[in-house]
Amino acid sequence: MYYCMPEKITESLKVATKSTEAVTVVNLSSKELSEDTVSVLSRGLNFAPTPRRIPVEDIITNIENTIFRNKIPHGDADCLRQDVSTLLRKSPLPKSNITLKEVSALRELRNDESLLVLPADKVSQIDAPTYKLSRHLATLLQPYTGQTSSYVRDSRHFVELLEGIQLQDTDIMVSFDITSLFTNVPVDEVIRIITTLLGGTTLPTGYVESITYCLKSGYFLWRGDFYLQIDGVAMGSPLAPVVANIFMEWFEKKALDSANVKPRYWWRYVDDIFAVVARDALKDLTSHLNRVHAKIEVTIEEEKEGKLPFLDVLVIREPNGRVTHTVYRKPTHTDRYLRADSHHHPSHLSSVPRTLLNRALALCDHEYVNAELRHLAITWHKLSRYCGFQGGGARRDKLAVVVDARELRHAKPGNTITVC
């Protein structure tokens, strides 16, 4: 099976390349940043500059660790060392992917202690004292979540759940969202829920004590003062998503069991809920959800013009009541991805277009897949101009990716899809 971009897309591509990269650096300091500083920062914090030298010592150390851990025989190990040595001697240093002025700008940023360069993201707890323990406990708790019929694993699973549903004229599609769930999870209550959940298992009771310790040790430093989070779960903790999921499973069971009118469909991904409800019962259901727990506030988004976003899927209501779907992007989405001139492994770089293509094929109904592929073609053309992407060996003015069609629900197994 072939999905080919029409010839007229060329004109759209020419227009698209006239645009410039979106502004991605926000300077909140009083210091004025140079053009070179902004230029190098605009590449993104996942951009890897080319190293000034090949890290020979690190490579040799990693090879020796691999030989030791895998107990490679002496003869094979010596051959491996010889091959690595030959490669290191013959490998030239890659060409720098930033200018000398940008190198100087990075050095100045590194040495300027008055400036902090941070991602626009949540707090990280990777260096927290309880991080490793939280990660271990999260692994233990994970199998006890996701057993409900409302559980949504990911976007692809959600699309599978949508297959075959038929909406009535009296129905309305809505999404419910829990306001600041992570910071409002009642810690003492969720500990009791976990205690009950683990009561019928073979896990030692000491695990509950460890979970309690991790949940009640959420402190942070701000302007020289330490603060302790007395309720809620730390958003950067590995334990937080699992604990939040456990609480939400308890919450939705209590809410739905006590609701006067049940929704026709109800699916949940952590604190995001997709539901189909009778229009005349929506107000009562929303009020009921907000009365279930004092700390939980539920907000609602109704379908607009027959469309409702959920995760990265746009659910579309057809006139005949059938439900279709395509990829959803927020209005603020910039179509920025890992730059091809970043010093990453080639497999990481080539996975970017493949991932986007696979998402398009997995989330789009056949009516919308061509529009999504056209969007990717234009996006990739921009990236090829500004970021150096070649589209897996294709010419710069084309998006050409070949994938196995088994992931495309509308194709027969064994076919090949070519986007050109």
Foldseek 3Di string as FASTA:
>chain_A
DEQEDDPVLLVVLVVLQVDDADQDDDDPDPDDADPLLSVVCSLDPVFAWFDPADPVVVVVVVLVVVCVVVVPDPVVSVVVVVVVVVCRVPDDRDDTPGDPVNVVSVVVQVPDPVDDDDDPDADACCVPPCQVVLLVLLVVLVVLFDPDPQEDPALLSVLVVQPPDFDDPQKWKKKKFWPPLQLLAFLVVLLVLVCVSCVPDPDDPVSSVSVSVQQFADWDDDPHDIDTRRGGGGPNHSNRQSSLRSVVVVLVVQLQVPDPAHFPHWHDHRRMIITMHRPVCVVVSQVSSPPSDVRIHMDMDTDDPQWDDDRQKIWGQDPRRRIFIFGHDDPPDRLDDNFPSGPDDVVVVLVVVVVQLLRGLSTGDPVCSSVSLSVVFSSQLNSCVVRVDQQVVHHSNGNWDKDFCPSRPPDDGPDIYTYD
